Protein backbone atom coordinates (compact mmCIF):
# COMPACT_ATOMS: atom_id res chain seq x y z
CA MET A 1 122.33 33.85 -31.81
CA GLN A 2 119.19 35.97 -31.78
CA ASN A 3 120.29 37.92 -28.74
CA ALA A 4 124.08 38.75 -27.71
CA PRO A 5 125.08 36.70 -24.63
CA LYS A 6 125.19 38.38 -21.30
CA SER A 7 127.99 38.83 -18.94
CA GLY A 8 127.83 36.34 -15.98
CA ILE A 9 125.51 33.71 -17.57
CA ARG A 10 127.05 30.57 -18.56
CA TYR A 11 125.85 28.76 -21.95
CA ASP A 12 126.35 25.23 -21.00
CA GLU A 13 123.33 23.44 -22.17
CA TYR A 14 123.06 22.07 -25.69
CA GLU A 15 120.12 23.92 -27.15
CA PRO A 16 120.25 23.68 -31.00
CA HIS A 17 116.66 24.38 -31.67
CA LYS A 18 116.81 27.60 -29.62
CA TYR A 19 119.60 28.77 -31.96
CA ASN A 20 118.71 27.34 -35.30
CA CYS A 21 121.86 25.42 -35.45
CA ILE A 22 123.38 23.27 -38.14
CA SER A 23 125.40 20.16 -38.01
CA VAL A 24 129.07 20.11 -39.00
CA ASP A 25 130.85 16.75 -39.43
CA ASP A 26 133.59 16.54 -36.97
CA GLU A 27 135.91 15.35 -39.84
CA TYR A 28 135.78 18.95 -40.88
CA VAL A 29 136.18 20.53 -37.53
CA GLU A 30 139.30 18.47 -37.09
CA ILE A 31 140.75 20.03 -40.18
CA ILE A 32 140.04 23.47 -39.11
CA ASP A 33 140.59 23.35 -35.43
CA VAL A 34 144.18 24.32 -35.47
CA ASN A 35 143.62 27.38 -37.88
CA LEU A 36 141.14 28.73 -35.40
CA ASN A 37 143.70 28.99 -32.58
CA ASP A 38 144.56 32.80 -33.21
CA ILE A 39 140.97 33.80 -33.30
CA ASP A 40 139.29 35.47 -30.35
CA PHE A 41 136.24 33.51 -28.92
CA TYR A 42 134.77 32.98 -25.37
CA TRP A 43 134.27 29.38 -23.76
CA HIS A 44 130.90 28.86 -22.14
CA THR A 45 130.64 32.47 -20.72
CA LEU A 46 131.65 36.10 -21.67
CA ASP A 47 133.88 35.91 -18.44
CA MET A 48 136.28 33.35 -20.22
CA PRO A 49 137.92 34.78 -23.29
CA ALA A 50 139.97 32.27 -25.20
CA LYS A 51 141.79 31.58 -28.42
CA GLY A 52 140.29 28.99 -30.56
CA ILE A 53 137.07 26.80 -30.05
CA ALA A 54 136.20 24.86 -26.92
CA TYR A 55 136.30 21.64 -28.85
CA THR A 56 134.22 19.54 -26.56
CA GLY A 57 132.44 22.61 -25.04
CA ILE A 58 130.46 25.57 -25.94
CA THR A 59 132.07 28.53 -28.09
CA LEU A 60 130.57 32.00 -28.34
CA VAL A 61 131.82 33.59 -31.50
CA PRO A 62 131.61 37.21 -31.30
CA PRO A 63 130.83 39.45 -34.27
CA LYS A 64 134.34 40.79 -34.42
CA SER A 65 135.67 37.21 -34.96
CA VAL A 66 133.08 36.03 -37.64
CA GLN A 67 135.09 37.44 -40.51
CA SER A 68 138.21 35.71 -39.44
CA PHE A 69 136.31 32.27 -39.00
CA ILE A 70 134.98 32.57 -42.52
CA ALA A 71 138.60 33.30 -43.85
CA VAL A 72 139.67 29.89 -42.24
CA ILE A 73 136.91 27.89 -43.90
CA LYS A 74 136.34 29.67 -47.32
CA SER A 75 138.06 27.10 -49.58
CA ILE A 76 136.25 24.04 -48.03
CA ALA A 77 133.23 23.26 -50.15
CA GLU A 78 131.77 20.76 -47.52
CA LEU A 79 131.44 23.79 -45.15
CA ASP A 80 129.25 25.95 -47.37
CA GLU A 81 126.45 25.71 -44.96
CA LEU A 82 128.50 26.92 -42.23
CA LYS A 83 129.88 29.67 -44.52
CA ASP A 84 126.26 30.71 -45.11
CA LEU A 85 125.32 30.84 -41.56
CA LEU A 86 128.54 32.87 -40.84
CA GLY A 87 127.85 35.21 -43.61
CA LYS A 88 124.36 35.90 -42.15
CA ALA A 89 126.01 36.47 -38.73
CA LEU A 90 128.51 38.96 -40.26
CA ALA A 91 125.89 40.76 -42.26
CA GLU A 92 123.44 41.10 -39.10
CA ASN A 93 126.39 41.74 -36.73
CA LYS A 94 125.24 38.75 -34.55
CA TRP A 95 127.05 36.21 -32.14
CA VAL A 96 127.19 32.69 -33.15
CA ILE A 97 127.43 29.66 -30.71
CA HIS A 98 129.07 26.52 -31.31
CA PHE A 99 128.15 23.43 -29.49
CA GLY A 100 131.27 20.90 -29.42
CA LEU A 101 131.31 17.29 -29.34
């Protein structure tokens, strides 16, 4: 995300063009989903902190959780593009948005 999300605003619209998103095959999301359940995220809004991703919704990934996310996917070669995106977010202290199914 170019700008950090703001409290009180819901991020409910699918806007991949706005955030320069990449596509990740659901097959790999299913593999890592349970391993993300101990990581702090937000679902749709900063007013809804949660553990794990909102599988069919919108997940906001705070900068403090990016390193943990990378650790979950580090050994999955098919997720190299996602690792690159998360690495860039980590280096720039940026938020990441995940649009679920």
